[in-house]
Amino acid sequence: MPYIPEKRRRELTEEVRAAVKYGNALNVIGELAITSGELNWILTEVILGYLQLGTDADEPLGNLPLSYARLSAARAVLHDMHDEFYDKLMRPYEDLKCQENGEVFFTGLPDNTSEETLGDQLERERDD
């Protein structure tokens, strides 16, 4: 959650907003985020910065109406980021740990004595 202490918010906000405006947000995020809460705060600031900018990066939203299209675009980007992060980083990591440490999710049904996973069963049923 982005609910970090107010003092730390002030420390991060100025640098994050400048980074968003001048296009070097990635450098700032990598250098400033110490905790997951701070990372969340920084990413929230980036999205809020996107919502507050008009077509010209120097033109604040003050005289532009907030639109569903802009909100929806921000939400879609976050959703896509979530999917890509899971597909490219989390899932391979989980697969590796499963290979190293063994499967956890067995069907657990009393009449099933095999070690076929629920995922294996669902995939087999889908293919049938």
N, C-alpha and C. Protein backbone atom coordinates (compact mmCIF):
# COMPACT_ATOMS: atom_id res chain seq x y z
N MET A 1 0.84 -1.19 0.00
CA MET A 1 0.00 0.00 0.00
C MET A 1 0.88 1.24 0.00
N PRO A 2 0.38 2.32 -0.55
CA PRO A 2 1.20 3.53 -0.64
C PRO A 2 1.16 4.38 0.62
N TYR A 3 0.79 3.80 1.76
CA TYR A 3 0.61 4.59 2.98
C TYR A 3 1.89 4.60 3.80
N ILE A 4 2.84 5.38 3.32
CA ILE A 4 4.13 5.50 3.99
C ILE A 4 4.11 6.77 4.84
N PRO A 5 5.04 6.90 5.79
CA PRO A 5 5.04 8.08 6.66
C PRO A 5 5.08 9.40 5.87
N GLU A 6 4.40 10.39 6.40
CA GLU A 6 4.29 11.70 5.74
C GLU A 6 5.66 12.30 5.44
N LYS A 7 6.59 12.18 6.36
CA LYS A 7 7.93 12.74 6.15
C LYS A 7 8.58 12.11 4.91
N ARG A 8 8.47 10.79 4.79
CA ARG A 8 9.07 10.10 3.65
C ARG A 8 8.34 10.46 2.36
N ARG A 9 7.02 10.67 2.44
CA ARG A 9 6.26 11.10 1.26
C ARG A 9 6.81 12.41 0.71
N ARG A 10 7.03 13.35 1.63
CA ARG A 10 7.55 14.66 1.19
C ARG A 10 8.92 14.51 0.55
N GLU A 11 9.75 13.64 1.12
CA GLU A 11 11.09 13.43 0.58
C GLU A 11 11.03 12.87 -0.84
N LEU A 12 10.11 11.98 -1.07
CA LEU A 12 10.02 11.32 -2.37
C LEU A 12 9.26 12.12 -3.41
N THR A 13 8.23 12.84 -2.99
CA THR A 13 7.30 13.48 -3.92
C THR A 13 7.98 14.43 -4.89
N GLU A 14 8.80 15.32 -4.39
CA GLU A 14 9.44 16.31 -5.26
C GLU A 14 10.30 15.64 -6.33
N GLU A 15 11.10 14.67 -5.92
CA GLU A 15 11.97 14.00 -6.88
C GLU A 15 11.17 13.17 -7.89
N VAL A 16 10.12 12.52 -7.41
CA VAL A 16 9.31 11.69 -8.31
C VAL A 16 8.60 12.56 -9.34
N ARG A 17 8.01 13.65 -8.89
CA ARG A 17 7.29 14.53 -9.82
C ARG A 17 8.23 15.12 -10.86
N ALA A 18 9.42 15.50 -10.45
CA ALA A 18 10.39 16.01 -11.41
C ALA A 18 10.81 14.91 -12.39
N ALA A 19 10.98 13.70 -11.88
CA ALA A 19 11.37 12.59 -12.73
C ALA A 19 10.30 12.28 -13.77
N VAL A 20 9.04 12.31 -13.36
CA VAL A 20 7.95 12.05 -14.30
C VAL A 20 7.93 13.13 -15.37
N LYS A 21 8.08 14.38 -14.94
CA LYS A 21 8.04 15.49 -15.88
C LYS A 21 9.17 15.42 -16.90
N TYR A 22 10.36 15.03 -16.44
CA TYR A 22 11.52 15.05 -17.33
C TYR A 22 11.89 13.67 -17.89
N GLY A 23 11.03 12.68 -17.66
CA GLY A 23 11.20 11.39 -18.31
C GLY A 23 12.27 10.48 -17.76
N ASN A 24 12.69 10.67 -16.52
CA ASN A 24 13.68 9.75 -15.95
C ASN A 24 13.15 9.06 -14.69
N ALA A 25 11.87 8.69 -14.73
CA ALA A 25 11.23 8.08 -13.57
C ALA A 25 11.88 6.75 -13.20
N LEU A 26 12.32 5.97 -14.18
CA LEU A 26 12.91 4.68 -13.86
C LEU A 26 14.15 4.82 -13.00
N ASN A 27 14.99 5.80 -13.30
CA ASN A 27 16.18 6.01 -12.49
C ASN A 27 15.82 6.35 -11.05
N VAL A 28 14.82 7.21 -10.89
CA VAL A 28 14.41 7.64 -9.55
C VAL A 28 13.82 6.48 -8.77
N ILE A 29 12.97 5.70 -9.41
CA ILE A 29 12.34 4.57 -8.72
C ILE A 29 13.40 3.60 -8.21
N GLY A 30 14.34 3.26 -9.05
CA GLY A 30 15.39 2.33 -8.66
C GLY A 30 16.27 2.85 -7.54
N GLU A 31 16.48 4.14 -7.48
CA GLU A 31 17.36 4.72 -6.47
C GLU A 31 16.66 5.01 -5.16
N LEU A 32 15.35 5.32 -5.20
CA LEU A 32 14.67 5.79 -4.00
C LEU A 32 13.86 4.75 -3.24
N ALA A 33 13.29 3.80 -3.91
CA ALA A 33 12.40 2.85 -3.25
C ALA A 33 13.19 1.89 -2.39
N ILE A 34 12.95 1.95 -1.09
CA ILE A 34 13.63 1.07 -0.14
C ILE A 34 12.70 -0.05 0.29
N THR A 35 11.43 0.26 0.52
CA THR A 35 10.45 -0.73 0.96
C THR A 35 9.38 -0.90 -0.11
N SER A 36 8.57 -1.92 0.05
CA SER A 36 7.47 -2.13 -0.89
C SER A 36 6.46 -0.98 -0.79
N GLY A 37 6.26 -0.45 0.40
CA GLY A 37 5.38 0.70 0.56
C GLY A 37 5.88 1.92 -0.19
N GLU A 38 7.19 2.14 -0.14
CA GLU A 38 7.77 3.26 -0.88
C GLU A 38 7.68 3.04 -2.38
N LEU A 39 7.89 1.82 -2.82
CA LEU A 39 7.73 1.53 -4.25
C LEU A 39 6.30 1.80 -4.68
N ASN A 40 5.34 1.38 -3.86
CA ASN A 40 3.93 1.62 -4.16
C ASN A 40 3.66 3.12 -4.21
N TRP A 41 4.20 3.86 -3.27
CA TRP A 41 4.01 5.32 -3.25
C TRP A 41 4.55 5.96 -4.53
N ILE A 42 5.76 5.57 -4.91
CA ILE A 42 6.39 6.14 -6.10
C ILE A 42 5.57 5.82 -7.35
N LEU A 43 5.16 4.58 -7.50
CA LEU A 43 4.36 4.22 -8.68
C LEU A 43 3.02 4.93 -8.68
N THR A 44 2.43 5.11 -7.50
CA THR A 44 1.19 5.88 -7.39
C THR A 44 1.42 7.31 -7.84
N GLU A 45 2.52 7.91 -7.44
CA GLU A 45 2.85 9.27 -7.86
C GLU A 45 3.04 9.35 -9.37
N VAL A 46 3.66 8.33 -9.96
CA VAL A 46 3.85 8.31 -11.41
C VAL A 46 2.50 8.30 -12.11
N ILE A 47 1.59 7.45 -11.65
CA ILE A 47 0.26 7.38 -12.26
C ILE A 47 -0.50 8.68 -12.04
N LEU A 48 -0.44 9.22 -10.84
CA LEU A 48 -1.11 10.50 -10.59
C LEU A 48 -0.51 11.60 -11.46
N GLY A 49 0.80 11.55 -11.67
CA GLY A 49 1.44 12.52 -12.57
C GLY A 49 0.93 12.38 -13.98
N TYR A 50 0.75 11.16 -14.44
CA TYR A 50 0.19 10.92 -15.77
C TYR A 50 -1.21 11.50 -15.86
N LEU A 51 -2.01 11.29 -14.84
CA LEU A 51 -3.39 11.79 -14.85
C LEU A 51 -3.44 13.31 -14.82
N GLN A 52 -2.42 13.94 -14.24
CA GLN A 52 -2.43 15.39 -14.09
C GLN A 52 -1.81 16.12 -15.28
N LEU A 53 -1.19 15.40 -16.18
CA LEU A 53 -0.56 16.06 -17.32
C LEU A 53 -1.50 16.08 -18.51
N GLY A 54 -1.48 17.18 -19.23
CA GLY A 54 -2.26 17.27 -20.46
C GLY A 54 -1.43 16.74 -21.62
N THR A 55 -1.76 17.14 -22.81
CA THR A 55 -1.01 16.68 -23.97
C THR A 55 0.38 17.30 -23.97
N ASP A 56 0.52 18.48 -23.41
CA ASP A 56 1.81 19.14 -23.26
C ASP A 56 2.27 18.88 -21.83
N ALA A 57 3.45 18.32 -21.66
CA ALA A 57 3.93 17.94 -20.33
C ALA A 57 4.01 19.13 -19.38
N ASP A 58 4.07 20.35 -19.90
CA ASP A 58 4.13 21.52 -19.03
C ASP A 58 2.75 22.07 -18.70
N GLU A 59 1.71 21.48 -19.24
CA GLU A 59 0.35 21.98 -19.01
C GLU A 59 -0.34 21.11 -17.98
N PRO A 60 -0.50 21.60 -16.75
CA PRO A 60 -1.14 20.79 -15.71
C PRO A 60 -2.61 20.56 -16.01
N LEU A 61 -3.16 19.57 -15.36
CA LEU A 61 -4.55 19.20 -15.58
C LEU A 61 -5.52 20.27 -15.12
N GLY A 62 -5.05 21.23 -14.36
CA GLY A 62 -5.94 22.26 -13.82
C GLY A 62 -6.97 22.78 -14.78
N ASN A 63 -6.63 22.95 -16.04
CA ASN A 63 -7.59 23.46 -17.01
C ASN A 63 -8.04 22.39 -18.00
N LEU A 64 -7.76 21.12 -17.70
CA LEU A 64 -8.23 20.02 -18.53
C LEU A 64 -9.16 19.15 -17.68
N PRO A 65 -10.28 18.70 -18.24
CA PRO A 65 -11.16 17.83 -17.46
C PRO A 65 -10.57 16.43 -17.35
N LEU A 66 -10.71 15.84 -16.20
CA LEU A 66 -10.30 14.45 -16.02
C LEU A 66 -11.31 13.59 -16.78
N SER A 67 -10.83 12.68 -17.59
CA SER A 67 -11.73 11.92 -18.43
C SER A 67 -11.70 10.43 -18.08
N TYR A 68 -12.77 9.77 -18.42
CA TYR A 68 -12.84 8.32 -18.26
C TYR A 68 -11.74 7.66 -19.09
N ALA A 69 -11.52 8.17 -20.29
CA ALA A 69 -10.51 7.58 -21.18
C ALA A 69 -9.13 7.61 -20.53
N ARG A 70 -8.78 8.73 -19.89
CA ARG A 70 -7.46 8.83 -19.25
C ARG A 70 -7.38 7.92 -18.03
N LEU A 71 -8.45 7.89 -17.23
CA LEU A 71 -8.48 7.00 -16.07
C LEU A 71 -8.40 5.54 -16.52
N SER A 72 -9.17 5.21 -17.54
CA SER A 72 -9.19 3.84 -18.04
C SER A 72 -7.83 3.45 -18.62
N ALA A 73 -7.18 4.37 -19.29
CA ALA A 73 -5.85 4.09 -19.84
C ALA A 73 -4.86 3.80 -18.71
N ALA A 74 -4.91 4.57 -17.64
CA ALA A 74 -4.02 4.34 -16.50
C ALA A 74 -4.30 2.97 -15.88
N ARG A 75 -5.57 2.65 -15.71
CA ARG A 75 -5.95 1.35 -15.14
C ARG A 75 -5.48 0.22 -16.04
N ALA A 76 -5.65 0.38 -17.35
CA ALA A 76 -5.23 -0.65 -18.29
C ALA A 76 -3.72 -0.87 -18.24
N VAL A 77 -2.97 0.21 -18.14
CA VAL A 77 -1.51 0.08 -18.05
C VAL A 77 -1.13 -0.68 -16.79
N LEU A 78 -1.75 -0.34 -15.67
CA LEU A 78 -1.44 -1.05 -14.42
C LEU A 78 -1.81 -2.53 -14.53
N HIS A 79 -2.94 -2.82 -15.13
CA HIS A 79 -3.37 -4.20 -15.31
C HIS A 79 -2.38 -4.95 -16.21
N ASP A 80 -1.99 -4.33 -17.30
CA ASP A 80 -1.04 -4.96 -18.21
C ASP A 80 0.32 -5.16 -17.54
N MET A 81 0.74 -4.18 -16.75
CA MET A 81 1.99 -4.32 -16.00
C MET A 81 1.90 -5.52 -15.06
N HIS A 82 0.79 -5.64 -14.38
CA HIS A 82 0.55 -6.76 -13.47
C HIS A 82 0.68 -8.09 -14.21
N ASP A 83 0.00 -8.20 -15.34
CA ASP A 83 0.04 -9.44 -16.10
C ASP A 83 1.45 -9.77 -16.59
N GLU A 84 2.14 -8.79 -17.13
CA GLU A 84 3.50 -9.01 -17.63
C GLU A 84 4.45 -9.37 -16.50
N PHE A 85 4.33 -8.68 -15.38
CA PHE A 85 5.19 -8.97 -14.23
C PHE A 85 5.00 -10.41 -13.79
N TYR A 86 3.74 -10.82 -13.70
CA TYR A 86 3.47 -12.20 -13.28
C TYR A 86 3.98 -13.19 -14.32
N ASP A 87 3.68 -12.95 -15.59
CA ASP A 87 4.07 -13.89 -16.64
C ASP A 87 5.59 -14.00 -16.78
N LYS A 88 6.28 -12.87 -16.73
CA LYS A 88 7.72 -12.86 -17.02
C LYS A 88 8.61 -13.09 -15.80
N LEU A 89 8.13 -12.72 -14.60
CA LEU A 89 8.99 -12.84 -13.42
C LEU A 89 8.44 -13.79 -12.36
N MET A 90 7.21 -13.57 -11.94
CA MET A 90 6.67 -14.37 -10.85
C MET A 90 6.45 -15.83 -11.23
N ARG A 91 5.79 -16.07 -12.34
CA ARG A 91 5.48 -17.44 -12.72
C ARG A 91 6.74 -18.28 -12.92
N PRO A 92 7.73 -17.79 -13.66
CA PRO A 92 8.96 -18.59 -13.80
C PRO A 92 9.64 -18.84 -12.45
N TYR A 93 9.61 -17.85 -11.57
CA TYR A 93 10.20 -18.04 -10.24
C TYR A 93 9.45 -19.11 -9.46
N GLU A 94 8.11 -19.05 -9.49
CA GLU A 94 7.30 -20.06 -8.81
C GLU A 94 7.53 -21.44 -9.40
N ASP A 95 7.63 -21.53 -10.71
CA ASP A 95 7.89 -22.82 -11.36
C ASP A 95 9.24 -23.39 -10.92
N LEU A 96 10.26 -22.54 -10.84
CA LEU A 96 11.57 -22.98 -10.39
C LEU A 96 11.50 -23.50 -8.96
N LYS A 97 10.83 -22.76 -8.08
CA LYS A 97 10.72 -23.18 -6.68
C LYS A 97 9.90 -24.46 -6.55
N CYS A 98 8.91 -24.63 -7.40
CA CYS A 98 8.13 -25.86 -7.40
C CYS A 98 9.01 -27.04 -7.79
N GLN A 99 9.86 -26.85 -8.80
CA GLN A 99 10.78 -27.92 -9.21
C GLN A 99 11.77 -28.23 -8.09
N GLU A 100 12.27 -27.19 -7.43
CA GLU A 100 13.25 -27.38 -6.37
C GLU A 100 12.65 -28.03 -5.13
N ASN A 101 11.44 -27.63 -4.78
CA ASN A 101 10.87 -28.01 -3.48
C ASN A 101 9.67 -28.95 -3.55
N GLY A 102 9.17 -29.22 -4.73
CA GLY A 102 8.04 -30.12 -4.87
C GLY A 102 6.72 -29.39 -4.96
N GLU A 103 5.77 -30.05 -5.60
CA GLU A 103 4.42 -29.51 -5.80
C GLU A 103 3.68 -29.41 -4.46
N VAL A 104 2.83 -28.42 -4.35
CA VAL A 104 2.03 -28.21 -3.15
C VAL A 104 0.57 -28.57 -3.40
N PHE A 105 0.06 -28.22 -4.56
CA PHE A 105 -1.37 -28.33 -4.84
C PHE A 105 -1.73 -29.68 -5.46
N PHE A 106 -2.09 -30.63 -4.60
CA PHE A 106 -2.62 -31.91 -5.04
C PHE A 106 -4.12 -31.84 -4.91
N THR A 107 -4.81 -32.71 -5.61
CA THR A 107 -6.27 -32.67 -5.57
C THR A 107 -6.79 -32.95 -4.17
N GLY A 108 -6.15 -33.83 -3.43
CA GLY A 108 -6.57 -34.11 -2.07
C GLY A 108 -7.87 -34.88 -1.96
N LEU A 109 -8.39 -35.36 -3.07
CA LEU A 109 -9.63 -36.13 -3.02
C LEU A 109 -9.34 -37.53 -2.49
N PRO A 110 -10.22 -38.06 -1.64
CA PRO A 110 -9.96 -39.37 -1.03
C PRO A 110 -9.76 -40.50 -2.04
N ASP A 111 -10.44 -40.43 -3.19
CA ASP A 111 -10.31 -41.50 -4.17
C ASP A 111 -9.16 -41.30 -5.14
N ASN A 112 -8.39 -40.24 -4.96
CA ASN A 112 -7.27 -39.96 -5.85
C ASN A 112 -5.98 -40.29 -5.12
N THR A 113 -5.34 -41.38 -5.52
CA THR A 113 -4.09 -41.77 -4.86
C THR A 113 -2.87 -41.36 -5.67
N SER A 114 -3.09 -40.77 -6.85
CA SER A 114 -1.96 -40.34 -7.66
C SER A 114 -1.45 -38.99 -7.16
N GLU A 115 -0.29 -38.62 -7.62
CA GLU A 115 0.26 -37.32 -7.26
C GLU A 115 0.06 -36.32 -8.38
N GLU A 116 -0.95 -36.55 -9.20
CA GLU A 116 -1.28 -35.61 -10.26
C GLU A 116 -1.82 -34.34 -9.62
N THR A 117 -1.33 -33.21 -10.06
CA THR A 117 -1.79 -31.95 -9.49
C THR A 117 -3.15 -31.57 -10.06
N LEU A 118 -3.80 -30.68 -9.36
CA LEU A 118 -5.08 -30.17 -9.84
C LEU A 118 -4.88 -29.50 -11.20
N GLY A 119 -3.79 -28.75 -11.36
CA GLY A 119 -3.50 -28.10 -12.64
C GLY A 119 -3.34 -29.12 -13.75
N ASP A 120 -2.65 -30.24 -13.45
CA ASP A 120 -2.50 -31.31 -14.44
C ASP A 120 -3.86 -31.89 -14.82
N GLN A 121 -4.70 -32.14 -13.81
CA GLN A 121 -6.03 -32.69 -14.07
C GLN A 121 -6.86 -31.75 -14.95
N LEU A 122 -6.84 -30.47 -14.60
CA LEU A 122 -7.63 -29.49 -15.37
C LEU A 122 -7.13 -29.41 -16.80
N GLU A 123 -5.82 -29.43 -16.97
CA GLU A 123 -5.25 -29.38 -18.32
C GLU A 123 -5.63 -30.62 -19.11
N ARG A 124 -5.57 -31.79 -18.47
CA ARG A 124 -5.95 -33.04 -19.15
C ARG A 124 -7.43 -33.02 -19.53
N GLU A 125 -8.27 -32.56 -18.62
CA GLU A 125 -9.71 -32.50 -18.91
C GLU A 125 -10.00 -31.52 -20.04
N ARG A 126 -9.28 -30.41 -20.07
CA ARG A 126 -9.46 -29.43 -21.12
C ARG A 126 -9.08 -30.02 -22.48
N ASP A 127 -8.01 -30.80 -22.49
CA ASP A 127 -7.54 -31.41 -23.74
C ASP A 127 -8.43 -32.54 -24.22
N ASP A 128 -9.17 -33.17 -23.30
CA ASP A 128 -10.06 -34.30 -23.67
C ASP A 128 -11.26 -33.86 -24.45
